[in-house]
Amino acid sequence: MTFIEKLNAAWTSRNSLLCVGLDPDVKKFPAELQGKPDAIYEFCRAIIDATADTACAFKPQIAYFAALGAEEQLERICAYLRSTYPDIPLVLDAKRGDIGATAEQYAREAFERYNADVVTVSPYMGWDSVSPYLEWKDRGVIVLCRTSNAGGSDLQFLEVDGKPLYQHVARLVAEKWNTNGQCGLVVGATFPHELAQVRAIIGDMPLLVPGVGAQGGDVEATVKSGRTASGAGMMINSSRAILYAKPQDGEDFAAAARRVAIETRDAINQFR
């Protein structure tokens, strides 16, 4: 099964566009995990088990693991996802952006070491930086387009032939790079107008949409701007708001995460 096939199936079977981001910050872990050598693995596994029925994808952010030398725990988390929830797409958020033999090694890291279904990449170095990932015909590549941070406008809004650069990226990926139907784009929920512009350019290509939850993106505007005609087409990511939800009424951290994940999924589904 290809990445796109798996994602389409997850949208239907889970009735969800929610992507749960795995950004483990050990300083925010509950007391019972503080100081444990495998705390990152235990934390992420608990979050996964608590939210798996609410999510169309999981997205570990590699920097949170690599900064602490915890790549082995990330490998275990990815293996756990693959074995326990094989129907849920695994998005490795790495934002790689190199060329040639180096890009080939990054592709091996994503698709062999971590066995991800799809990886995020930067388009700044052009086709040479993306093509090595596309050799993996059953996997996916999600290209940065209009990111959720305000500073993205420094480059993404530069005009080229009268159009902002992010629109050129969207058209390039949709019309030239997506030859095997493997590609998607990152477009932030914090810019619903640009999200709608990208959707108009790319048709039904999937979007990874960060920015709801802690970043303040509006759920209604996001869904109405980015959904496809079938009411799908997006992995709307929430990380911190779910991972570090404040427990209520005796909840543990995983139960609190589940509660917020359900609330987020249901809020998204109101506008599909």
Protein backbone atom coordinates (compact mmCIF):
# COMPACT_ATOMS: atom_id res chain seq x y z
CA MET A 1 0.00 0.00 0.00
CA THR A 2 1.35 3.43 -0.93
CA PHE A 3 1.44 6.43 1.37
CA ILE A 4 -1.47 8.05 -0.46
CA GLU A 5 -3.56 4.88 -0.30
CA LYS A 6 -2.87 4.51 3.41
CA LEU A 7 -3.75 8.16 4.06
CA ASN A 8 -7.01 7.91 2.11
CA ALA A 9 -7.95 4.81 4.08
CA ALA A 10 -7.10 6.50 7.40
CA TRP A 11 -9.24 9.54 6.62
CA THR A 12 -12.18 7.19 6.07
CA SER A 13 -11.67 4.57 8.76
CA ARG A 14 -10.78 7.06 11.49
CA ASN A 15 -13.27 9.73 10.33
CA SER A 16 -10.53 12.20 11.19
CA LEU A 17 -8.24 14.81 9.66
CA LEU A 18 -6.27 15.17 12.90
CA CYS A 19 -2.53 14.54 12.81
CA VAL A 20 -1.00 14.13 16.28
CA GLY A 21 2.49 15.63 16.44
CA LEU A 22 5.06 13.93 18.65
CA ASP A 23 7.34 16.71 19.95
CA PRO A 24 8.60 15.29 23.27
CA ASP A 25 9.93 18.02 25.59
CA VAL A 26 11.28 16.26 28.68
CA LYS A 27 10.93 19.43 30.77
CA LYS A 28 7.14 19.14 30.36
CA PHE A 29 6.86 15.43 31.15
CA PRO A 30 4.80 14.32 34.15
CA ALA A 31 6.63 13.67 37.39
CA GLU A 32 6.42 9.89 37.07
CA LEU A 33 8.53 9.97 33.91
CA GLN A 34 11.13 12.51 35.00
CA GLY A 35 14.64 11.03 35.06
CA LYS A 36 13.69 7.68 33.49
CA PRO A 37 16.18 6.59 30.80
CA ASP A 38 13.41 5.64 28.35
CA ALA A 39 11.03 8.44 29.31
CA ILE A 40 10.69 9.72 25.73
CA TYR A 41 9.64 6.33 24.45
CA GLU A 42 7.20 5.73 27.29
CA PHE A 43 5.69 9.21 26.93
CA CYS A 44 5.20 8.94 23.17
CA ARG A 45 3.86 5.39 23.36
CA ALA A 46 1.27 6.45 25.93
CA ILE A 47 0.20 9.38 23.75
CA ILE A 48 -0.04 7.12 20.70
CA ASP A 49 -2.18 4.53 22.49
CA ALA A 50 -4.44 7.23 23.93
CA THR A 51 -5.06 9.02 20.63
CA ALA A 52 -4.69 6.38 17.88
CA ASP A 53 -8.42 6.08 17.23
CA THR A 54 -8.71 9.86 16.82
CA ALA A 55 -5.85 10.41 14.37
CA CYS A 56 -5.32 10.05 10.64
CA ALA A 57 -1.53 10.32 11.10
CA PHE A 58 1.27 10.66 13.65
CA LYS A 59 4.12 13.09 13.07
CA PRO A 60 7.31 12.73 15.15
CA GLN A 61 9.56 15.79 14.90
CA ILE A 62 13.08 14.44 14.62
CA ALA A 63 14.81 17.42 16.26
CA TYR A 64 13.19 16.72 19.62
CA PHE A 65 14.81 13.29 19.63
CA ALA A 66 18.15 14.11 18.01
CA ALA A 67 18.87 17.02 20.36
CA LEU A 68 18.87 14.58 23.27
CA GLY A 69 20.64 11.76 21.48
CA ALA A 70 17.37 9.82 21.59
CA GLU A 71 17.28 8.54 18.03
CA GLU A 72 17.15 4.97 19.32
CA GLN A 73 13.95 5.82 21.19
CA LEU A 74 12.56 7.36 17.99
CA GLU A 75 13.37 4.12 16.16
CA ARG A 76 11.46 2.19 18.83
CA ILE A 77 8.51 4.58 18.59
CA CYS A 78 8.38 4.22 14.81
CA ALA A 79 8.64 0.43 15.12
CA TYR A 80 5.82 0.48 17.68
CA LEU A 81 3.61 2.52 15.36
CA ARG A 82 4.34 0.20 12.44
CA SER A 83 3.60 -2.97 14.41
CA THR A 84 0.66 -1.79 16.53
CA TYR A 85 -1.08 0.71 14.22
CA PRO A 86 0.13 -0.24 10.72
CA ASP A 87 -2.86 1.47 9.10
CA ILE A 88 -1.96 4.94 10.43
CA PRO A 89 0.51 6.93 8.29
CA LEU A 90 3.82 7.82 9.95
CA VAL A 91 5.05 11.30 8.96
CA LEU A 92 8.71 11.96 9.77
CA ASP A 93 9.04 15.72 10.21
CA ALA A 94 12.66 16.33 9.24
CA LYS A 95 12.50 19.20 6.70
CA ARG A 96 15.59 17.91 4.90
CA GLY A 97 17.01 20.01 2.08
CA ASP A 98 20.23 18.71 0.53
CA ILE A 99 21.17 17.24 -2.84
CA GLY A 100 22.67 14.21 -4.53
CA ALA A 101 24.29 11.51 -2.43
CA THR A 102 23.48 13.39 0.78
CA ALA A 103 19.79 13.50 -0.05
CA GLU A 104 19.96 9.78 -0.83
CA GLN A 105 21.25 9.16 2.69
CA TYR A 106 18.50 11.30 4.21
CA ALA A 107 15.98 9.25 2.24
CA ARG A 108 17.49 6.04 3.61
CA GLU A 109 17.31 7.49 7.12
CA ALA A 110 13.62 8.31 6.75
CA PHE A 111 12.46 5.24 4.89
CA GLU A 112 14.85 2.51 6.08
CA ARG A 113 15.98 3.51 9.56
CA TYR A 114 12.67 4.96 10.73
CA ASN A 115 10.42 3.21 8.19
CA ALA A 116 8.35 6.37 7.75
CA ASP A 117 5.56 6.54 5.20
CA VAL A 118 6.37 10.13 4.30
CA VAL A 119 9.00 12.77 5.11
CA THR A 120 8.97 16.58 5.04
CA VAL A 121 11.54 18.32 2.82
CA SER A 122 12.54 21.82 1.78
CA PRO A 123 12.26 22.78 -1.91
CA TYR A 124 14.91 25.51 -1.76
CA MET A 125 17.58 23.50 -3.64
CA GLY A 126 15.13 22.38 -6.30
CA TRP A 127 14.51 19.06 -8.01
CA ASP A 128 17.93 17.67 -7.07
CA SER A 129 16.96 17.81 -3.40
CA VAL A 130 13.61 16.03 -3.83
CA SER A 131 14.15 13.38 -6.49
CA PRO A 132 16.06 10.89 -4.28
CA TYR A 133 13.01 10.53 -2.03
CA LEU A 134 10.73 9.92 -5.00
CA GLU A 135 12.70 6.79 -5.90
CA TRP A 136 10.79 5.13 -3.05
CA LYS A 137 7.59 4.61 -5.02
CA ASP A 138 5.42 3.55 -2.08
CA ARG A 139 6.48 6.43 0.18
CA GLY A 140 5.59 10.11 0.21
CA VAL A 141 7.27 13.51 0.18
CA ILE A 142 5.69 16.59 1.75
CA VAL A 143 7.25 19.81 0.51
CA LEU A 144 7.34 23.04 2.50
CA CYS A 145 5.17 25.62 0.75
CA ARG A 146 3.50 28.26 2.97
CA THR A 147 4.67 27.63 6.49
CA SER A 148 2.81 28.59 9.66
CA ASN A 149 5.48 30.94 11.05
CA ALA A 150 5.31 34.67 10.41
CA GLY A 151 8.93 34.78 9.24
CA GLY A 152 8.07 32.48 6.35
CA SER A 153 6.84 35.58 4.53
CA ASP A 154 10.44 36.80 4.24
CA LEU A 155 10.90 34.44 1.29
CA GLN A 156 7.56 32.79 0.58
CA PHE A 157 5.89 36.09 -0.34
CA LEU A 158 8.61 37.30 -2.69
CA GLU A 159 7.02 38.00 -6.07
CA VAL A 160 8.20 36.04 -9.08
CA ASP A 161 6.49 36.93 -12.36
CA GLY A 162 3.75 38.64 -10.39
CA LYS A 163 3.00 35.69 -8.11
CA PRO A 164 4.25 34.96 -4.59
CA LEU A 165 6.96 32.33 -4.40
CA TYR A 166 4.84 29.89 -2.36
CA GLN A 167 2.37 29.67 -5.26
CA HIS A 168 5.20 28.83 -7.65
CA VAL A 169 6.28 26.06 -5.26
CA ALA A 170 2.72 24.70 -5.14
CA ARG A 171 2.43 24.69 -8.93
CA LEU A 172 5.89 23.20 -9.43
CA VAL A 173 5.19 20.31 -7.08
CA ALA A 174 1.69 19.66 -8.44
CA GLU A 175 2.56 19.90 -12.13
CA LYS A 176 6.15 18.63 -12.39
CA TRP A 177 7.35 16.80 -9.28
CA ASN A 178 4.26 14.77 -8.41
CA THR A 179 4.67 12.36 -11.31
CA ASN A 180 3.93 9.26 -9.23
CA GLY A 181 1.27 10.84 -7.01
CA GLN A 182 3.60 10.77 -4.00
CA CYS A 183 3.72 14.45 -3.04
CA GLY A 184 2.00 16.75 -0.61
CA LEU A 185 2.60 20.25 0.69
CA VAL A 186 2.98 21.96 4.06
CA VAL A 187 0.66 24.96 4.39
CA GLY A 188 0.04 26.60 7.77
CA ALA A 189 -3.36 26.95 9.40
CA THR A 190 -2.32 30.45 10.43
CA PHE A 191 -2.79 31.64 6.83
CA PRO A 192 -6.22 30.39 5.67
CA HIS A 193 -6.33 32.71 2.65
CA GLU A 194 -3.05 31.31 1.34
CA LEU A 195 -4.27 27.81 2.20
CA ALA A 196 -7.26 28.35 -0.10
CA GLN A 197 -4.98 29.67 -2.83
CA VAL A 198 -2.80 26.57 -2.64
CA ARG A 199 -5.80 24.23 -2.69
CA ALA A 200 -7.04 25.92 -5.85
CA ILE A 201 -3.66 25.30 -7.50
CA ILE A 202 -3.02 21.70 -6.50
CA GLY A 203 -6.41 20.01 -6.71
CA ASP A 204 -6.75 17.03 -4.37
CA MET A 205 -3.08 16.71 -3.39
CA PRO A 206 -2.78 16.16 0.39
CA LEU A 207 -1.77 18.97 2.72
CA LEU A 208 0.02 18.80 6.04
CA VAL A 209 -1.40 21.73 7.99
CA PRO A 210 0.39 22.82 11.17
CA GLY A 211 -0.69 25.74 13.30
CA VAL A 212 -3.88 24.77 15.13
CA GLY A 213 -3.79 24.38 18.90
CA ALA A 214 -0.87 26.17 20.54
CA GLN A 215 -0.15 28.28 17.44
CA GLY A 216 -3.69 29.62 17.33
CA GLY A 217 -4.84 28.66 13.84
CA ASP A 218 -8.61 28.89 13.38
CA VAL A 219 -10.11 25.45 12.86
CA GLU A 220 -13.18 26.55 10.89
CA ALA A 221 -11.20 28.77 8.53
CA THR A 222 -8.58 26.06 8.07
CA VAL A 223 -11.04 23.32 7.18
CA LYS A 224 -13.14 25.46 4.87
CA SER A 225 -10.02 26.76 3.08
CA GLY A 226 -8.17 23.48 2.69
CA ARG A 227 -10.67 20.64 2.42
CA THR A 228 -11.23 18.79 -0.82
CA ALA A 229 -14.66 18.21 -2.35
CA SER A 230 -14.85 14.93 -0.42
CA GLY A 231 -14.23 16.71 2.88
CA ALA A 232 -10.72 15.30 3.32
CA GLY A 233 -7.34 16.27 1.84
CA MET A 234 -5.61 17.44 5.02
CA MET A 235 -3.57 16.22 7.94
CA ILE A 236 -4.25 19.01 10.42
CA ASN A 237 -1.49 18.81 12.98
CA SER A 238 -1.70 19.59 16.66
CA SER A 239 1.25 18.85 18.93
CA ARG A 240 1.71 20.80 22.15
CA ALA A 241 -2.00 21.36 22.85
CA ILE A 242 -2.51 17.59 22.89
CA LEU A 243 0.79 16.39 24.34
CA TYR A 244 0.75 18.72 27.32
CA ALA A 245 -2.98 19.05 27.93
CA LYS A 246 -3.72 19.94 31.55
CA PRO A 247 -5.24 16.94 33.36
CA GLN A 248 -8.72 17.37 34.82
CA ASP A 249 -10.70 15.39 37.39
CA GLY A 250 -8.01 12.84 38.17
CA GLU A 251 -6.85 12.30 34.59
CA ASP A 252 -3.30 11.22 33.89
CA PHE A 253 -1.36 12.90 31.07
CA ALA A 254 -2.47 10.35 28.46
CA ALA A 255 -6.16 10.69 29.33
CA ALA A 256 -5.85 14.48 29.15
CA ALA A 257 -4.19 14.16 25.73
CA ARG A 258 -6.97 11.89 24.54
CA ARG A 259 -9.65 14.33 25.70
CA VAL A 260 -8.08 17.22 23.78
CA ALA A 261 -7.45 15.06 20.72
CA ILE A 262 -11.13 14.08 20.63
CA GLU A 263 -12.17 17.71 21.06
CA THR A 264 -9.85 18.77 18.23
CA ARG A 265 -10.98 15.99 15.90
CA ASP A 266 -14.62 16.80 16.57
CA ALA A 267 -14.07 20.52 16.05
CA ILE A 268 -12.46 19.77 12.68
CA ASN A 269 -15.28 17.42 11.67
CA GLN A 270 -17.91 20.12 12.30
CA PHE A 271 -16.73 21.94 9.18
CA ARG A 272 -15.86 19.10 6.79
